[in-house]
Amino acid sequence: MKKYVNIGFAADTPNGLMVPVIHGADRMDVYKIARALADLSEKARTGKLSASEMQGGCFTISSLGGIGGTAFTPIINAPEVAILGVSKSSMKPVYKDGTFIRASRCRYRCV
């Protein structure tokens, strides 16, 4: 069992997708995590990430929402335990039983 939490995040760069890792995220407050995220994102965009800054993740967060993506299949990279894939949300009409219903009343996946 790991005694630390290292969070990876997907970063879109001119050289393709990279996954920098925030090491020791469990010992940081939200402000330190935000600074680490900004620093590593900048390094990823400028091609200055070291190999150690992209290794050792326990969990990764990936998002397509910023580019308008609505669905995708995140891939877990061993030895990570999981990946959270977030996409853009939207309100769409749902047609059921001959009428349109509000999505909040929908009892199944409303897309």
PDB file of N, CA and C in Angstrom:
ATOM      1  N   MET A   1       0.839  -1.176   0.000  1.00  0.00           N
ATOM      2  CA  MET A   1       0.000   0.000   0.000  1.00  0.00           C
ATOM      3  C   MET A   1       0.887   1.244   0.000  1.00  0.00           C
ATOM      4  N   LYS A   2       0.589   2.153  -0.888  1.00  0.00           N
ATOM      5  CA  LYS A   2       1.381   3.372  -1.006  1.00  0.00           C
ATOM      6  C   LYS A   2       1.134   4.290   0.189  1.00  0.00           C
ATOM      7  N   LYS A   3       2.162   4.995   0.603  1.00  0.00           N
ATOM      8  CA  LYS A   3       2.071   5.940   1.715  1.00  0.00           C
ATOM      9  C   LYS A   3       2.102   7.375   1.214  1.00  0.00           C
ATOM     10  N   TYR A   4       1.795   7.573  -0.071  1.00  0.00           N
ATOM     11  CA  TYR A   4       1.836   8.897  -0.672  1.00  0.00           C
ATOM     12  C   TYR A   4       0.792   8.977  -1.776  1.00  0.00           C
ATOM     13  N   VAL A   5       0.493  10.190  -2.204  1.00  0.00           N
ATOM     14  CA  VAL A   5      -0.435  10.406  -3.312  1.00  0.00           C
ATOM     15  C   VAL A   5       0.251  11.319  -4.322  1.00  0.00           C
ATOM     16  N   ASN A   6       0.529  10.772  -5.490  1.00  0.00           N
ATOM     17  CA  ASN A   6       1.113  11.523  -6.591  1.00  0.00           C
ATOM     18  C   ASN A   6       0.067  11.603  -7.702  1.00  0.00           C
ATOM     19  N   ILE A   7      -0.350  12.814  -8.032  1.00  0.00           N
ATOM     20  CA  ILE A   7      -1.424  13.018  -8.990  1.00  0.00           C
ATOM     21  C   ILE A   7      -0.864  13.460 -10.337  1.00  0.00           C
ATOM     22  N   GLY A   8      -1.173  12.703 -11.367  1.00  0.00           N
ATOM     23  CA  GLY A   8      -0.809  13.081 -12.725  1.00  0.00           C
ATOM     24  C   GLY A   8      -1.953  13.856 -13.361  1.00  0.00           C
ATOM     25  N   PHE A   9      -1.619  14.712 -14.311  1.00  0.00           N
ATOM     26  CA  PHE A   9      -2.670  15.429 -15.040  1.00  0.00           C
ATOM     27  C   PHE A   9      -2.257  15.533 -16.501  1.00  0.00           C
ATOM     28  N   ALA A  10      -3.227  15.397 -17.371  1.00  0.00           N
ATOM     29  CA  ALA A  10      -2.948  15.465 -18.801  1.00  0.00           C
ATOM     30  C   ALA A  10      -2.725  16.915 -19.213  1.00  0.00           C
ATOM     31  N   ALA A  11      -1.655  17.148 -19.954  1.00  0.00           N
ATOM     32  CA  ALA A  11      -1.330  18.484 -20.434  1.00  0.00           C
ATOM     33  C   ALA A  11      -1.142  18.422 -21.948  1.00  0.00           C
ATOM     34  N   ASP A  12      -1.952  19.188 -22.668  1.00  0.00           N
ATOM     35  CA  ASP A  12      -1.838  19.256 -24.119  1.00  0.00           C
ATOM     36  C   ASP A  12      -0.713  20.228 -24.460  1.00  0.00           C
ATOM     37  N   THR A  13       0.271  19.775 -25.200  1.00  0.00           N
ATOM     38  CA  THR A  13       1.427  20.602 -25.538  1.00  0.00           C
ATOM     39  C   THR A  13       1.631  20.599 -27.054  1.00  0.00           C
ATOM     40  N   PRO A  14       2.449  21.495 -27.566  1.00  0.00           N
ATOM     41  CA  PRO A  14       2.753  21.466 -29.006  1.00  0.00           C
ATOM     42  C   PRO A  14       3.380  20.137 -29.444  1.00  0.00           C
ATOM     43  N   ASN A  15       3.987  19.415 -28.513  1.00  0.00           N
ATOM     44  CA  ASN A  15       4.616  18.125 -28.819  1.00  0.00           C
ATOM     45  C   ASN A  15       3.709  16.940 -28.516  1.00  0.00           C
ATOM     46  N   GLY A  16       2.441  17.198 -28.259  1.00  0.00           N
ATOM     47  CA  GLY A  16       1.499  16.121 -27.955  1.00  0.00           C
ATOM     48  C   GLY A  16       1.128  16.104 -26.486  1.00  0.00           C
ATOM     49  N   LEU A  17       0.362  15.093 -26.112  1.00  0.00           N
ATOM     50  CA  LEU A  17      -0.120  14.958 -24.739  1.00  0.00           C
ATOM     51  C   LEU A  17       0.995  14.488 -23.818  1.00  0.00           C
ATOM     52  N   MET A  18       1.145  15.157 -22.680  1.00  0.00           N
ATOM     53  CA  MET A  18       2.109  14.755 -21.653  1.00  0.00           C
ATOM     54  C   MET A  18       1.365  14.664 -20.327  1.00  0.00           C
ATOM     55  N   VAL A  19       1.903  13.865 -19.408  1.00  0.00           N
ATOM     56  CA  VAL A  19       1.268  13.698 -18.099  1.00  0.00           C
ATOM     57  C   VAL A  19       2.281  13.991 -16.994  1.00  0.00           C
ATOM     58  N   PRO A  20       2.415  15.277 -16.631  1.00  0.00           N
ATOM     59  CA  PRO A  20       3.259  15.629 -15.487  1.00  0.00           C
ATOM     60  C   PRO A  20       2.624  15.104 -14.194  1.00  0.00           C
ATOM     61  N   VAL A  21       3.429  14.900 -13.177  1.00  0.00           N
ATOM     62  CA  VAL A  21       2.962  14.340 -11.908  1.00  0.00           C
ATOM     63  C   VAL A  21       3.273  15.301 -10.768  1.00  0.00           C
ATOM     64  N   ILE A  22       2.247  15.613  -9.972  1.00  0.00           N
ATOM     65  CA  ILE A  22       2.435  16.413  -8.760  1.00  0.00           C
ATOM     66  C   ILE A  22       2.763  15.434  -7.634  1.00  0.00           C
ATOM     67  N   HIS A  23       4.016  15.400  -7.244  1.00  0.00           N
ATOM     68  CA  HIS A  23       4.476  14.469  -6.200  1.00  0.00           C
ATOM     69  C   HIS A  23       4.107  14.996  -4.817  1.00  0.00           C
ATOM     70  N   GLY A  24       3.621  14.109  -3.948  1.00  0.00           N
ATOM     71  CA  GLY A  24       3.284  14.485  -2.575  1.00  0.00           C
ATOM     72  C   GLY A  24       2.059  15.366  -2.469  1.00  0.00           C
ATOM     73  N   ALA A  25       1.094  15.196  -3.368  1.00  0.00           N
ATOM     74  CA  ALA A  25      -0.103  16.034  -3.365  1.00  0.00           C
ATOM     75  C   ALA A  25      -0.896  15.912  -2.060  1.00  0.00           C
ATOM     76  N   ASP A  26      -0.780  14.778  -1.395  1.00  0.00           N
ATOM     77  CA  ASP A  26      -1.498  14.578  -0.129  1.00  0.00           C
ATOM     78  C   ASP A  26      -0.959  15.457   0.997  1.00  0.00           C
ATOM     79  N   ARG A  27       0.240  15.999   0.827  1.00  0.00           N
ATOM     80  CA  ARG A  27       0.832  16.867   1.850  1.00  0.00           C
ATOM     81  C   ARG A  27       0.738  18.345   1.480  1.00  0.00           C
ATOM     82  N   MET A  28      -0.017  18.660   0.418  1.00  0.00           N
ATOM     83  CA  MET A  28      -0.136  20.039  -0.052  1.00  0.00           C
ATOM     84  C   MET A  28      -1.548  20.562   0.172  1.00  0.00           C
ATOM     85  N   ASP A  29      -1.648  21.880   0.380  1.00  0.00           N
ATOM     86  CA  ASP A  29      -2.985  22.473   0.395  1.00  0.00           C
ATOM     87  C   ASP A  29      -3.353  22.826  -1.049  1.00  0.00           C
ATOM     88  N   VAL A  30      -4.546  23.303  -1.257  1.00  0.00           N
ATOM     89  CA  VAL A  30      -5.031  23.554  -2.609  1.00  0.00           C
ATOM     90  C   VAL A  30      -4.203  24.630  -3.318  1.00  0.00           C
ATOM     91  N   TYR A  31      -3.643  25.580  -2.590  1.00  0.00           N
ATOM     92  CA  TYR A  31      -2.831  26.625  -3.199  1.00  0.00           C
ATOM     93  C   TYR A  31      -1.498  26.080  -3.705  1.00  0.00           C
ATOM     94  N   LYS A  32      -0.872  25.195  -2.935  1.00  0.00           N
ATOM     95  CA  LYS A  32       0.380  24.579  -3.371  1.00  0.00           C
ATOM     96  C   LYS A  32       0.141  23.684  -4.579  1.00  0.00           C
ATOM     97  N   ILE A  33      -0.980  22.976  -4.581  1.00  0.00           N
ATOM     98  CA  ILE A  33      -1.307  22.135  -5.729  1.00  0.00           C
ATOM     99  C   ILE A  33      -1.514  23.002  -6.971  1.00  0.00           C
ATOM    100  N   ALA A  34      -2.194  24.133  -6.817  1.00  0.00           N
ATOM    101  CA  ALA A  34      -2.422  25.042  -7.949  1.00  0.00           C
ATOM    102  C   ALA A  34      -1.093  25.577  -8.488  1.00  0.00           C
ATOM    103  N   ARG A  35      -0.164  25.932  -7.594  1.00  0.00           N
ATOM    104  CA  ARG A  35       1.138  26.426  -8.044  1.00  0.00           C
ATOM    105  C   ARG A  35       1.924  25.326  -8.762  1.00  0.00           C
ATOM    106  N   ALA A  36       1.897  24.109  -8.202  1.00  0.00           N
ATOM    107  CA  ALA A  36       2.597  22.990  -8.830  1.00  0.00           C
ATOM    108  C   ALA A  36       1.999  22.692 -10.204  1.00  0.00           C
ATOM    109  N   LEU A  37       0.682  22.750 -10.304  1.00  0.00           N
ATOM    110  CA  LEU A  37      -0.010  22.525 -11.575  1.00  0.00           C
ATOM    111  C   LEU A  37       0.428  23.566 -12.609  1.00  0.00           C
ATOM    112  N   ALA A  38       0.465  24.824 -12.209  1.00  0.00           N
ATOM    113  CA  ALA A  38       0.882  25.900 -13.122  1.00  0.00           C
ATOM    114  C   ALA A  38       2.343  25.735 -13.544  1.00  0.00           C
ATOM    115  N   ASP A  39       3.223  25.439 -12.587  1.00  0.00           N
ATOM    116  CA  ASP A  39       4.648  25.275 -12.886  1.00  0.00           C
ATOM    117  C   ASP A  39       4.891  24.111 -13.837  1.00  0.00           C
ATOM    118  N   LEU A  40       4.271  22.964 -13.541  1.00  0.00           N
ATOM    119  CA  LEU A  40       4.469  21.791 -14.389  1.00  0.00           C
ATOM    120  C   LEU A  40       3.828  21.979 -15.759  1.00  0.00           C
ATOM    121  N   SER A  41       2.698  22.670 -15.822  1.00  0.00           N
ATOM    122  CA  SER A  41       2.054  22.945 -17.115  1.00  0.00           C
ATOM    123  C   SER A  41       2.961  23.795 -17.997  1.00  0.00           C
ATOM    124  N   GLU A  42       3.567  24.819 -17.399  1.00  0.00           N
ATOM    125  CA  GLU A  42       4.481  25.682 -18.143  1.00  0.00           C
ATOM    126  C   GLU A  42       5.687  24.891 -18.644  1.00  0.00           C
ATOM    127  N   LYS A  43       6.248  24.045 -17.793  1.00  0.00           N
ATOM    128  CA  LYS A  43       7.381  23.213 -18.208  1.00  0.00           C
ATOM    129  C   LYS A  43       6.986  22.278 -19.348  1.00  0.00           C
ATOM    130  N   ALA A  44       5.768  21.720 -19.270  1.00  0.00           N
ATOM    131  CA  ALA A  44       5.302  20.822 -20.329  1.00  0.00           C
ATOM    132  C   ALA A  44       5.173  21.572 -21.650  1.00  0.00           C
ATOM    133  N   ARG A  45       4.593  22.772 -21.619  1.00  0.00           N
ATOM    134  CA  ARG A  45       4.402  23.561 -22.851  1.00  0.00           C
ATOM    135  C   ARG A  45       5.729  23.980 -23.472  1.00  0.00           C
ATOM    136  N   THR A  46       6.732  24.233 -22.643  1.00  0.00           N
ATOM    137  CA  THR A  46       8.035  24.685 -23.163  1.00  0.00           C
ATOM    138  C   THR A  46       9.020  23.532 -23.387  1.00  0.00           C
ATOM    139  N   GLY A  47       8.588  22.301 -23.136  1.00  0.00           N
ATOM    140  CA  GLY A  47       9.441  21.138 -23.379  1.00  0.00           C
ATOM    141  C   GLY A  47      10.547  20.958 -22.362  1.00  0.00           C
ATOM    142  N   LYS A  48      10.355  21.466 -21.146  1.00  0.00           N
ATOM    143  CA  LYS A  48      11.406  21.408 -20.130  1.00  0.00           C
ATOM    144  C   LYS A  48      11.114  20.425 -18.996  1.00  0.00           C
ATOM    145  N   LEU A  49      10.150  19.530 -19.180  1.00  0.00           N
ATOM    146  CA  LEU A  49       9.856  18.527 -18.150  1.00  0.00           C
ATOM    147  C   LEU A  49      10.950  17.472 -18.118  1.00  0.00           C
ATOM    148  N   SER A  50      11.367  17.103 -16.923  1.00  0.00           N
ATOM    149  CA  SER A  50      12.328  16.006 -16.798  1.00  0.00           C
ATOM    150  C   SER A  50      11.555  14.686 -16.734  1.00  0.00           C
ATOM    151  N   ALA A  51      12.244  13.601 -16.937  1.00  0.00           N
ATOM    152  CA  ALA A  51      11.611  12.283 -16.878  1.00  0.00           C
ATOM    153  C   ALA A  51      11.008  12.026 -15.500  1.00  0.00           C
ATOM    154  N   SER A  52      11.692  12.452 -14.436  1.00  0.00           N
ATOM    155  CA  SER A  52      11.192  12.212 -13.078  1.00  0.00           C
ATOM    156  C   SER A  52       9.903  12.991 -12.800  1.00  0.00           C
ATOM    157  N   GLU A  53       9.674  14.093 -13.536  1.00  0.00           N
ATOM    158  CA  GLU A  53       8.450  14.877 -13.350  1.00  0.00           C
ATOM    159  C   GLU A  53       7.253  14.269 -14.081  1.00  0.00           C
ATOM    160  N   MET A  54       7.484  13.177 -14.813  1.00  0.00           N
ATOM    161  CA  MET A  54       6.398  12.480 -15.498  1.00  0.00           C
ATOM    162  C   MET A  54       6.254  11.036 -15.028  1.00  0.00           C
ATOM    163  N   GLN A  55       6.886  10.688 -13.912  1.00  0.00           N
ATOM    164  CA  GLN A  55       6.843   9.317 -13.411  1.00  0.00           C
ATOM    165  C   GLN A  55       6.317   9.282 -11.984  1.00  0.00           C
ATOM    166  N   GLY A  56       5.797   8.133 -11.590  1.00  0.00           N
ATOM    167  CA  GLY A  56       5.412   7.901 -10.207  1.00  0.00           C
ATOM    168  C   GLY A  56       3.992   8.274  -9.860  1.00  0.00           C
ATOM    169  N   GLY A  57       3.136   8.491 -10.850  1.00  0.00           N
ATOM    170  CA  GLY A  57       1.753   8.851 -10.563  1.00  0.00           C
ATOM    171  C   GLY A  57       0.956   7.700  -9.983  1.00  0.00           C
ATOM    172  N   CYS A  58       0.053   8.007  -9.056  1.00  0.00           N
ATOM    173  CA  CYS A  58      -0.872   7.027  -8.474  1.00  0.00           C
ATOM    174  C   CYS A  58      -2.248   7.123  -9.141  1.00  0.00           C
ATOM    175  N   PHE A  59      -2.590   8.331  -9.585  1.00  0.00           N
ATOM    176  CA  PHE A  59      -3.915   8.639 -10.104  1.00  0.00           C
ATOM    177  C   PHE A  59      -3.750   9.784 -11.102  1.00  0.00           C
ATOM    178  N   THR A  60      -4.496   9.751 -12.205  1.00  0.00           N
ATOM    179  CA  THR A  60      -4.389  10.807 -13.205  1.00  0.00           C
ATOM    180  C   THR A  60      -5.744  11.444 -13.464  1.00  0.00           C
ATOM    181  N   ILE A  61      -5.721  12.731 -13.755  1.00  0.00           N
ATOM    182  CA  ILE A  61      -6.927  13.473 -14.113  1.00  0.00           C
ATOM    183  C   ILE A  61      -6.743  13.976 -15.544  1.00  0.00           C
ATOM    184  N   SER A  62      -7.734  13.696 -16.384  1.00  0.00           N
ATOM    185  CA  SER A  62      -7.689  14.114 -17.774  1.00  0.00           C
ATOM    186  C   SER A  62      -8.997  14.799 -18.133  1.00  0.00           C
ATOM    187  N   SER A  63      -8.938  15.841 -18.945  1.00  0.00           N
ATOM    188  CA  SER A  63     -10.144  16.580 -19.301  1.00  0.00           C
ATOM    189  C   SER A  63     -10.150  16.948 -20.775  1.00  0.00           C
ATOM    190  N   LEU A  64     -11.264  16.687 -21.427  1.00  0.00           N
ATOM    191  CA  LEU A  64     -11.476  17.150 -22.801  1.00  0.00           C
ATOM    192  C   LEU A  64     -12.427  18.331 -22.845  1.00  0.00           C
ATOM    193  N   GLY A  65     -12.932  18.748 -21.700  1.00  0.00           N
ATOM    194  CA  GLY A  65     -13.913  19.827 -21.652  1.00  0.00           C
ATOM    195  C   GLY A  65     -13.434  21.128 -22.238  1.00  0.00           C
ATOM    196  N   GLY A  66     -12.165  21.442 -22.078  1.00  0.00           N
ATOM    197  CA  GLY A  66     -11.623  22.697 -22.579  1.00  0.00           C
ATOM    198  C   GLY A  66     -11.628  22.806 -24.090  1.00  0.00           C
ATOM    199  N   ILE A  67     -11.612  21.648 -24.766  1.00  0.00           N
ATOM    200  CA  ILE A  67     -11.627  21.670 -26.233  1.00  0.00           C
ATOM    201  C   ILE A  67     -12.977  21.227 -26.779  1.00  0.00           C
ATOM    202  N   GLY A  68     -13.968  21.089 -25.896  1.00  0.00           N
ATOM    203  CA  GLY A  68     -15.321  20.774 -26.335  1.00  0.00           C
ATOM    204  C   GLY A  68     -15.633  19.301 -26.465  1.00  0.00           C
ATOM    205  N   GLY A  69     -14.709  18.433 -26.076  1.00  0.00           N
ATOM    206  CA  GLY A  69     -14.965  16.995 -26.165  1.00  0.00           C
ATOM    207  C   GLY A  69     -16.093  16.573 -25.241  1.00  0.00           C
ATOM    208  N   THR A  70     -16.901  15.626 -25.688  1.00  0.00           N
ATOM    209  CA  THR A  70     -18.042  15.187 -24.879  1.00  0.00           C
ATOM    210  C   THR A  70     -17.923  13.743 -24.408  1.00  0.00           C
ATOM    211  N   ALA A  71     -16.993  12.982 -24.953  1.00  0.00           N
ATOM    212  CA  ALA A  71     -16.816  11.592 -24.513  1.00  0.00           C
ATOM    213  C   ALA A  71     -15.455  11.082 -24.968  1.00  0.00           C
ATOM    214  N   PHE A  72     -14.838  10.249 -24.153  1.00  0.00           N
ATOM    215  CA  PHE A  72     -13.590   9.598 -24.518  1.00  0.00           C
ATOM    216  C   PHE A  72     -13.335   8.454 -23.553  1.00  0.00           C
ATOM    217  N   THR A  73     -12.342   7.649 -23.844  1.00  0.00           N
ATOM    218  CA  THR A  73     -11.992   6.512 -22.999  1.00  0.00           C
ATOM    219  C   THR A  73     -10.587   6.719 -22.454  1.00  0.00           C
ATOM    220  N   PRO A  74     -10.461   7.169 -21.196  1.00  0.00           N
ATOM    221  CA  PRO A  74      -9.126   7.335 -20.606  1.00  0.00           C
ATOM    222  C   PRO A  74      -8.429   5.983 -20.447  1.00  0.00           C
ATOM    223  N   ILE A  75      -7.137   5.964 -20.591  1.00  0.00           N
ATOM    224  CA  ILE A  75      -6.356   4.731 -20.473  1.00  0.00           C
ATOM    225  C   ILE A  75      -5.493   4.806 -19.220  1.00  0.00           C
ATOM    226  N   ILE A  76      -5.612   3.811 -18.352  1.00  0.00           N
ATOM    227  CA  ILE A  76      -4.832   3.753 -17.114  1.00  0.00           C
ATOM    228  C   ILE A  76      -3.434   3.242 -17.438  1.00  0.00           C
ATOM    229  N   ASN A  77      -2.432   3.967 -16.990  1.00  0.00           N
ATOM    230  CA  ASN A  77      -1.041   3.562 -17.164  1.00  0.00           C
ATOM    231  C   ASN A  77      -0.553   2.919 -15.878  1.00  0.00           C
ATOM    232  N   ALA A  78      -0.216   1.632 -15.938  1.00  0.00           N
ATOM    233  CA  ALA A  78       0.294   0.932 -14.758  1.00  0.00           C
ATOM    234  C   ALA A  78       1.560   1.635 -14.285  1.00  0.00           C
ATOM    235  N   PRO A  79       1.797   1.753 -13.002  1.00  0.00           N
ATOM    236  CA  PRO A  79       1.087   1.166 -11.857  1.00  0.00           C
ATOM    237  C   PRO A  79       0.006   2.062 -11.253  1.00  0.00           C
ATOM    238  N   GLU A  80      -0.497   3.033 -12.022  1.00  0.00           N
ATOM    239  CA  GLU A  80      -1.572   3.882 -11.493  1.00  0.00           C
ATOM    240  C   GLU A  80      -2.797   3.035 -11.170  1.00  0.00           C
ATOM    241  N   VAL A  81      -3.585   3.519 -10.221  1.00  0.00           N
ATOM    242  CA  VAL A  81      -4.773   2.767  -9.817  1.00  0.00           C
ATOM    243  C   VAL A  81      -6.027   3.211 -10.553  1.00  0.00           C
ATOM    244  N   ALA A  82      -6.037   4.452 -11.080  1.00  0.00           N
ATOM    245  CA  ALA A  82      -7.235   4.941 -11.754  1.00  0.00           C
ATOM    246  C   ALA A  82      -6.929   6.206 -12.536  1.00  0.00           C
ATOM    247  N   ILE A  83      -7.879   6.565 -13.405  1.00  0.00           N
ATOM    248  CA  ILE A  83      -7.821   7.830 -14.120  1.00  0.00           C
ATOM    249  C   ILE A  83      -9.231   8.399 -14.165  1.00  0.00           C
ATOM    250  N   LEU A  84      -9.340   9.686 -13.918  1.00  0.00           N
ATOM    251  CA  LEU A  84     -10.618  10.376 -13.990  1.00  0.00           C
ATOM    252  C   LEU A  84     -10.644  11.138 -15.304  1.00  0.00           C
ATOM    253  N   GLY A  85     -11.575  10.781 -16.176  1.00  0.00           N
ATOM    254  CA  GLY A  85     -11.729  11.464 -17.453  1.00  0.00           C
ATOM    255  C   GLY A  85     -12.954  12.357 -17.413  1.00  0.00           C
ATOM    256  N   VAL A  86     -12.747  13.647 -17.574  1.00  0.00           N
ATOM    257  CA  VAL A  86     -13.838  14.619 -17.499  1.00  0.00           C
ATOM    258  C   VAL A  86     -14.041  15.217 -18.886  1.00  0.00           C
ATOM    259  N   SER A  87     -15.298  15.329 -19.301  1.00  0.00           N
ATOM    260  CA  SER A  87     -15.584  15.945 -20.589  1.00  0.00           C
ATOM    261  C   SER A  87     -16.592  17.065 -20.403  1.00  0.00           C
ATOM    262  N   LYS A  88     -16.880  17.774 -21.467  1.00  0.00           N
ATOM    263  CA  LYS A  88     -17.778  18.916 -21.410  1.00  0.00           C
ATOM    264  C   LYS A  88     -19.205  18.452 -21.125  1.00  0.00           C
ATOM    265  N   SER A  89     -19.875  19.167 -20.249  1.00  0.00           N
ATOM    266  CA  SER A  89     -21.278  18.860 -19.975  1.00  0.00           C
ATOM    267  C   SER A  89     -22.155  19.793 -20.785  1.00  0.00           C
ATOM    268  N   SER A  90     -23.373  19.361 -21.019  1.00  0.00           N
ATOM    269  CA  SER A  90     -24.303  20.207 -21.747  1.00  0.00           C
ATOM    270  C   SER A  90     -25.726  19.773 -21.435  1.00  0.00           C
ATOM    271  N   MET A  91     -26.632  20.692 -21.605  1.00  0.00           N
ATOM    272  CA  MET A  91     -28.053  20.401 -21.438  1.00  0.00           C
ATOM    273  C   MET A  91     -28.619  20.084 -22.814  1.00  0.00           C
ATOM    274  N   LYS A  92     -29.241  18.920 -22.933  1.00  0.00           N
ATOM    275  CA  LYS A  92     -29.844  18.520 -24.194  1.00  0.00           C
ATOM    276  C   LYS A  92     -31.256  18.023 -23.918  1.00  0.00           C
ATOM    277  N   PRO A  93     -32.168  18.250 -24.847  1.00  0.00           N
ATOM    278  CA  PRO A  93     -33.531  17.754 -24.635  1.00  0.00           C
ATOM    279  C   PRO A  93     -33.569  16.232 -24.689  1.00  0.00           C
ATOM    280  N   VAL A  94     -34.423  15.653 -23.880  1.00  0.00           N
ATOM    281  CA  VAL A  94     -34.611  14.206 -23.837  1.00  0.00           C
ATOM    282  C   VAL A  94     -36.050  13.920 -24.233  1.00  0.00           C
ATOM    283  N   TYR A  95     -36.205  13.071 -25.230  1.00  0.00           N
ATOM    284  CA  TYR A  95     -37.533  12.716 -25.722  1.00  0.00           C
ATOM    285  C   TYR A  95     -37.889  11.345 -25.166  1.00  0.00           C
ATOM    286  N   LYS A  96     -38.947  11.267 -24.373  1.00  0.00           N
ATOM    287  CA  LYS A  96     -39.352  10.000 -23.753  1.00  0.00           C
ATOM    288  C   LYS A  96     -40.867   9.933 -23.702  1.00  0.00           C
ATOM    289  N   ASP A  97     -41.404   8.796 -24.091  1.00  0.00           N
ATOM    290  CA  ASP A  97     -42.849   8.552 -24.035  1.00  0.00           C
ATOM    291  C   ASP A  97     -43.651   9.633 -24.754  1.00  0.00           C
ATOM    292  N   GLY A  98     -43.169  10.078 -25.918  1.00  0.00           N
ATOM    293  CA  GLY A  98     -43.912  11.021 -26.734  1.00  0.00           C
ATOM    294  C   GLY A  98     -43.810  12.474 -26.335  1.00  0.00           C
ATOM    295  N   THR A  99     -42.932  12.789 -25.389  1.00  0.00           N
ATOM    296  CA  THR A  99     -42.787  14.185 -24.975  1.00  0.00           C
ATOM    297  C   THR A  99     -41.352  14.454 -24.537  1.00  0.00           C
ATOM    298  N   PHE A 100     -40.992  15.725 -24.552  1.00  0.00           N
ATOM    299  CA  PHE A 100     -39.681  16.127 -24.059  1.00  0.00           C
ATOM    300  C   PHE A 100     -39.753  16.288 -22.546  1.00  0.00           C
ATOM    301  N   ILE A 101     -38.706  15.806 -21.852  1.00  0.00           N
ATOM    302  CA  ILE A 101     -38.655  15.938 -20.395  1.00  0.00           C
ATOM    303  C   ILE A 101     -37.376  16.673 -20.009  1.00  0.00           C
ATOM    304  N   ARG A 102     -37.385  17.251 -18.824  1.00  0.00           N
ATOM    305  CA  ARG A 102     -36.178  17.886 -18.293  1.00  0.00           C
ATOM    306  C   ARG A 102     -35.178  16.801 -17.923  1.00  0.00           C
ATOM    307  N   ALA A 103     -33.903  17.062 -18.163  1.00  0.00           N
ATOM    308  CA  ALA A 103     -32.863  16.072 -17.877  1.00  0.00           C
ATOM    309  C   ALA A 103     -32.830  15.709 -16.394  1.00  0.00           C
ATOM    310  N   SER A 104     -33.195  16.637 -15.513  1.00  0.00           N
ATOM    311  CA  SER A 104     -33.168  16.349 -14.079  1.00  0.00           C
ATOM    312  C   SER A 104     -34.203  15.293 -13.699  1.00  0.00           C
ATOM    313  N   ARG A 105     -35.206  15.077 -14.558  1.00  0.00           N
ATOM    314  CA  ARG A 105     -36.214  14.048 -14.301  1.00  0.00           C
ATOM    315  C   ARG A 105     -35.883  12.729 -14.975  1.00  0.00           C
ATOM    316  N   CYS A 106     -34.798  12.702 -15.676  1.00  0.00           N
ATOM    317  CA  CYS A 106     -34.397  11.510 -16.434  1.00  0.00           C
ATOM    318  C   CYS A 106     -33.789  10.492 -15.485  1.00  0.00           C
ATOM    319  N   ARG A 107     -34.254   9.250 -15.518  1.00  0.00           N
ATOM    320  CA  ARG A 107     -33.767   8.212 -14.616  1.00  0.00           C
ATOM    321  C   ARG A 107     -32.706   7.330 -15.262  1.00  0.00           C
ATOM    322  N   TYR A 108     -32.293   7.658 -16.430  1.00  0.00           N
ATOM    323  CA  TYR A 108     -31.253   6.932 -17.117  1.00  0.00           C
ATOM    324  C   TYR A 108     -30.265   7.939 -17.670  1.00  0.00           C
ATOM    325  N   ARG A 109     -29.207   7.470 -18.254  1.00  0.00           N
ATOM    326  CA  ARG A 109     -28.180   8.389 -18.765  1.00  0.00           C
ATOM    327  C   ARG A 109     -28.767   9.273 -19.848  1.00  0.00           C
ATOM    328  N   CYS A 110     -28.809  10.553 -19.584  1.00  0.00           N
ATOM    329  CA  CYS A 110     -29.371  11.521 -20.531  1.00  0.00           C
ATOM    330  C   CYS A 110     -28.230  12.176 -21.290  1.00  0.00           C
ATOM    331  N   VAL A 111     -28.192  11.970 -22.587  1.00  0.00           N
ATOM    332  CA  VAL A 111     -27.159  12.602 -23.421  1.00  0.00           C
ATOM    333  C   VAL A 111     -27.796  13.328 -24.581  1.00  0.00           C
TER     334      VAL A 111
END
